[in-house]
Amino acid sequence: MSTIEEPTPARPWRPEDGPPPEVWTWPHGDRPALEVRSAGKWRYAPVMARQNWADGTVRYQVEVDLHGTTSVTARTYVWPHPGLRVAHGSGSEPSRGVQERKQGDMPQAPHRRAQPGT
């Protein structure tokens, strides 16, 4: 049996925590990933965002299947933690803004699509 402690999800930021955290994101197709220790196994977890809090802590928001059931949930964890490890990095620089051109456009409903010849 493993002695590695599973990480506990971090609570969200609140105004009493000070200034809002700086949030960094990567293009959807080139995100870094962590492995999260859950239910006795390391689970692959693509990073949705990195949060740099004013108190100096770093938190990673990830998508993770905690039980191996293919049910993926979003969780935020404080870094570093023994129950978290790097799976791989990203080849892209993170950004503080929304990079829609790198993320892809949202599909449009049929009634909103441009009609041919208009």
C-alpha atoms as a PDB file:
ATOM      1  CA  MET A   1       0.000   0.000   0.000  1.00  0.00           C
ATOM      2  CA  SER A   2       1.263   3.468  -0.869  1.00  0.00           C
ATOM      3  CA  THR A   3       2.099   6.011   1.807  1.00  0.00           C
ATOM      4  CA  ILE A   4       1.638   8.949  -0.580  1.00  0.00           C
ATOM      5  CA  GLU A   5      -0.991  11.315   0.760  1.00  0.00           C
ATOM      6  CA  GLU A   6      -3.760  12.189  -1.698  1.00  0.00           C
ATOM      7  CA  PRO A   7      -4.156  15.927  -2.281  1.00  0.00           C
ATOM      8  CA  THR A   8      -7.197  17.744  -0.942  1.00  0.00           C
ATOM      9  CA  PRO A   9      -8.985  20.129  -3.315  1.00  0.00           C
ATOM     10  CA  ALA A  10      -8.270  23.776  -2.531  1.00  0.00           C
ATOM     11  CA  ARG A  11     -11.064  26.202  -1.819  1.00  0.00           C
ATOM     12  CA  PRO A  12     -11.808  29.003  -4.304  1.00  0.00           C
ATOM     13  CA  TRP A  13     -10.428  32.533  -3.932  1.00  0.00           C
ATOM     14  CA  ARG A  14     -12.469  34.969  -1.798  1.00  0.00           C
ATOM     15  CA  PRO A  15     -12.155  38.768  -1.541  1.00  0.00           C
ATOM     16  CA  GLU A  16     -10.811  38.459   2.017  1.00  0.00           C
ATOM     17  CA  ASP A  17      -7.819  36.563   0.543  1.00  0.00           C
ATOM     18  CA  GLY A  18      -6.499  39.815  -0.922  1.00  0.00           C
ATOM     19  CA  PRO A  19      -6.044  40.648  -4.594  1.00  0.00           C
ATOM     20  CA  PRO A  20      -7.430  38.083  -7.053  1.00  0.00           C
ATOM     21  CA  PRO A  21      -4.872  35.530  -8.204  1.00  0.00           C
ATOM     22  CA  GLU A  22      -3.076  35.844 -11.523  1.00  0.00           C
ATOM     23  CA  VAL A  23      -4.492  33.148 -13.767  1.00  0.00           C
ATOM     24  CA  TRP A  24      -2.468  31.598 -16.585  1.00  0.00           C
ATOM     25  CA  THR A  25      -3.839  29.315 -19.306  1.00  0.00           C
ATOM     26  CA  TRP A  26      -2.468  27.375 -22.254  1.00  0.00           C
ATOM     27  CA  PRO A  27      -3.974  26.586 -25.661  1.00  0.00           C
ATOM     28  CA  HIS A  28      -6.397  23.688 -25.329  1.00  0.00           C
ATOM     29  CA  GLY A  29      -4.390  21.441 -27.653  1.00  0.00           C
ATOM     30  CA  ASP A  30      -1.065  22.014 -25.866  1.00  0.00           C
ATOM     31  CA  ARG A  31      -1.722  22.044 -22.141  1.00  0.00           C
ATOM     32  CA  PRO A  32       0.715  20.762 -19.547  1.00  0.00           C
ATOM     33  CA  ALA A  33      -0.486  17.939 -17.317  1.00  0.00           C
ATOM     34  CA  LEU A  34      -0.049  16.680 -13.788  1.00  0.00           C
ATOM     35  CA  GLU A  35      -0.614  13.288 -12.263  1.00  0.00           C
ATOM     36  CA  VAL A  36      -2.892  13.275  -9.223  1.00  0.00           C
ATOM     37  CA  ARG A  37      -2.775  10.498  -6.630  1.00  0.00           C
ATOM     38  CA  SER A  38      -6.344   9.242  -6.161  1.00  0.00           C
ATOM     39  CA  ALA A  39      -7.845   5.924  -5.053  1.00  0.00           C
ATOM     40  CA  GLY A  40      -4.359   4.410  -4.804  1.00  0.00           C
ATOM     41  CA  LYS A  41      -3.289   5.259  -8.375  1.00  0.00           C
ATOM     42  CA  TRP A  42      -1.709   8.121 -10.304  1.00  0.00           C
ATOM     43  CA  ARG A  43      -4.392   9.757 -12.501  1.00  0.00           C
ATOM     44  CA  TYR A  44      -3.558  11.838 -15.587  1.00  0.00           C
ATOM     45  CA  ALA A  45      -4.816  15.424 -15.209  1.00  0.00           C
ATOM     46  CA  PRO A  46      -4.497  18.066 -17.988  1.00  0.00           C
ATOM     47  CA  VAL A  47      -4.010  21.554 -16.539  1.00  0.00           C
ATOM     48  CA  MET A  48      -6.824  24.016 -17.190  1.00  0.00           C
ATOM     49  CA  ALA A  49      -5.153  26.949 -15.397  1.00  0.00           C
ATOM     50  CA  ARG A  50      -2.379  27.968 -13.029  1.00  0.00           C
ATOM     51  CA  GLN A  51      -3.293  30.441 -10.272  1.00  0.00           C
ATOM     52  CA  ASN A  52      -0.622  32.556  -8.573  1.00  0.00           C
ATOM     53  CA  TRP A  53      -2.140  33.829  -5.331  1.00  0.00           C
ATOM     54  CA  ALA A  54      -1.066  37.041  -3.587  1.00  0.00           C
ATOM     55  CA  ASP A  55       0.142  35.030  -0.557  1.00  0.00           C
ATOM     56  CA  GLY A  56       2.691  33.289  -2.791  1.00  0.00           C
ATOM     57  CA  THR A  57       0.904  29.960  -3.147  1.00  0.00           C
ATOM     58  CA  VAL A  58       0.426  28.332  -6.528  1.00  0.00           C
ATOM     59  CA  ARG A  59      -2.683  26.352  -7.404  1.00  0.00           C
ATOM     60  CA  TYR A  60      -3.381  24.248 -10.464  1.00  0.00           C
ATOM     61  CA  GLN A  61      -6.875  23.695 -11.810  1.00  0.00           C
ATOM     62  CA  VAL A  62      -6.998  20.336 -13.581  1.00  0.00           C
ATOM     63  CA  GLU A  63      -9.402  17.946 -15.258  1.00  0.00           C
ATOM     64  CA  VAL A  64      -9.098  14.531 -13.631  1.00  0.00           C
ATOM     65  CA  ASP A  65     -10.824  11.147 -13.500  1.00  0.00           C
ATOM     66  CA  LEU A  66     -10.434  10.529  -9.769  1.00  0.00           C
ATOM     67  CA  HIS A  67     -11.769   6.963  -9.690  1.00  0.00           C
ATOM     68  CA  GLY A  68     -10.892   5.522 -13.113  1.00  0.00           C
ATOM     69  CA  THR A  69     -14.543   5.527 -14.202  1.00  0.00           C
ATOM     70  CA  THR A  70     -14.100   7.992 -17.124  1.00  0.00           C
ATOM     71  CA  SER A  71     -16.051  10.583 -15.141  1.00  0.00           C
ATOM     72  CA  VAL A  72     -13.821  13.666 -15.397  1.00  0.00           C
ATOM     73  CA  THR A  73     -14.164  16.503 -12.898  1.00  0.00           C
ATOM     74  CA  ALA A  74     -12.415  19.830 -12.370  1.00  0.00           C
ATOM     75  CA  ARG A  75     -10.323  20.152  -9.232  1.00  0.00           C
ATOM     76  CA  THR A  76      -7.909  22.788  -7.940  1.00  0.00           C
ATOM     77  CA  TYR A  77      -4.883  21.744  -5.896  1.00  0.00           C
ATOM     78  CA  VAL A  78      -2.167  23.669  -4.037  1.00  0.00           C
ATOM     79  CA  TRP A  79       1.308  23.054  -5.500  1.00  0.00           C
ATOM     80  CA  PRO A  80       3.604  21.484  -4.415  1.00  0.00           C
ATOM     81  CA  HIS A  81       2.085  18.408  -2.779  1.00  0.00           C
ATOM     82  CA  PRO A  82       3.383  14.811  -2.518  1.00  0.00           C
ATOM     83  CA  GLY A  83       0.170  13.591  -4.210  1.00  0.00           C
ATOM     84  CA  LEU A  84       0.868  15.698  -7.315  1.00  0.00           C
ATOM     85  CA  ARG A  85       3.616  15.279  -9.879  1.00  0.00           C
ATOM     86  CA  VAL A  86       4.403  16.609 -13.333  1.00  0.00           C
ATOM     87  CA  ALA A  87       3.218  14.380 -16.194  1.00  0.00           C
ATOM     88  CA  HIS A  88       4.530  16.654 -18.973  1.00  0.00           C
ATOM     89  CA  GLY A  89       5.008  20.301 -19.870  1.00  0.00           C
ATOM     90  CA  SER A  90       3.653  22.384 -22.727  1.00  0.00           C
ATOM     91  CA  GLY A  91       5.444  23.633 -25.817  1.00  0.00           C
ATOM     92  CA  SER A  92       3.361  26.831 -25.690  1.00  0.00           C
ATOM     93  CA  GLU A  93       3.824  29.907 -23.542  1.00  0.00           C
ATOM     94  CA  PRO A  94       1.004  30.472 -21.045  1.00  0.00           C
ATOM     95  CA  SER A  95      -1.192  33.530 -21.377  1.00  0.00           C
ATOM     96  CA  ARG A  96      -3.265  35.639 -19.018  1.00  0.00           C
ATOM     97  CA  GLY A  97      -5.833  36.348 -21.738  1.00  0.00           C
ATOM     98  CA  VAL A  98      -8.272  34.235 -23.663  1.00  0.00           C
ATOM     99  CA  GLN A  99      -6.609  32.932 -26.801  1.00  0.00           C
ATOM    100  CA  GLU A 100      -9.683  32.151 -28.882  1.00  0.00           C
ATOM    101  CA  ARG A 101      -7.705  31.780 -32.111  1.00  0.00           C
ATOM    102  CA  LYS A 102      -5.724  28.956 -30.496  1.00  0.00           C
ATOM    103  CA  GLN A 103      -8.691  27.355 -28.745  1.00  0.00           C
ATOM    104  CA  GLY A 104     -10.966  27.113 -31.776  1.00  0.00           C
ATOM    105  CA  ASP A 105     -14.244  28.807 -32.449  1.00  0.00           C
ATOM    106  CA  MET A 106     -17.456  27.818 -30.795  1.00  0.00           C
ATOM    107  CA  PRO A 107     -19.845  26.085 -33.192  1.00  0.00           C
ATOM    108  CA  GLN A 108     -22.710  28.232 -34.365  1.00  0.00           C
ATOM    109  CA  ALA A 109     -26.333  27.138 -34.325  1.00  0.00           C
ATOM    110  CA  PRO A 110     -27.754  26.449 -37.825  1.00  0.00           C
ATOM    111  CA  HIS A 111     -30.037  29.519 -37.693  1.00  0.00           C
ATOM    112  CA  ARG A 112     -27.002  31.771 -37.043  1.00  0.00           C
ATOM    113  CA  ARG A 113     -24.742  30.445 -39.812  1.00  0.00           C
ATOM    114  CA  ALA A 114     -24.120  32.673 -42.798  1.00  0.00           C
ATOM    115  CA  GLN A 115     -26.320  31.671 -45.721  1.00  0.00           C
ATOM    116  CA  PRO A 116     -24.625  31.088 -49.092  1.00  0.00           C
ATOM    117  CA  GLY A 117     -24.905  34.152 -51.320  1.00  0.00           C
ATOM    118  CA  THR A 118     -25.630  36.629 -48.494  1.00  0.00           C
END
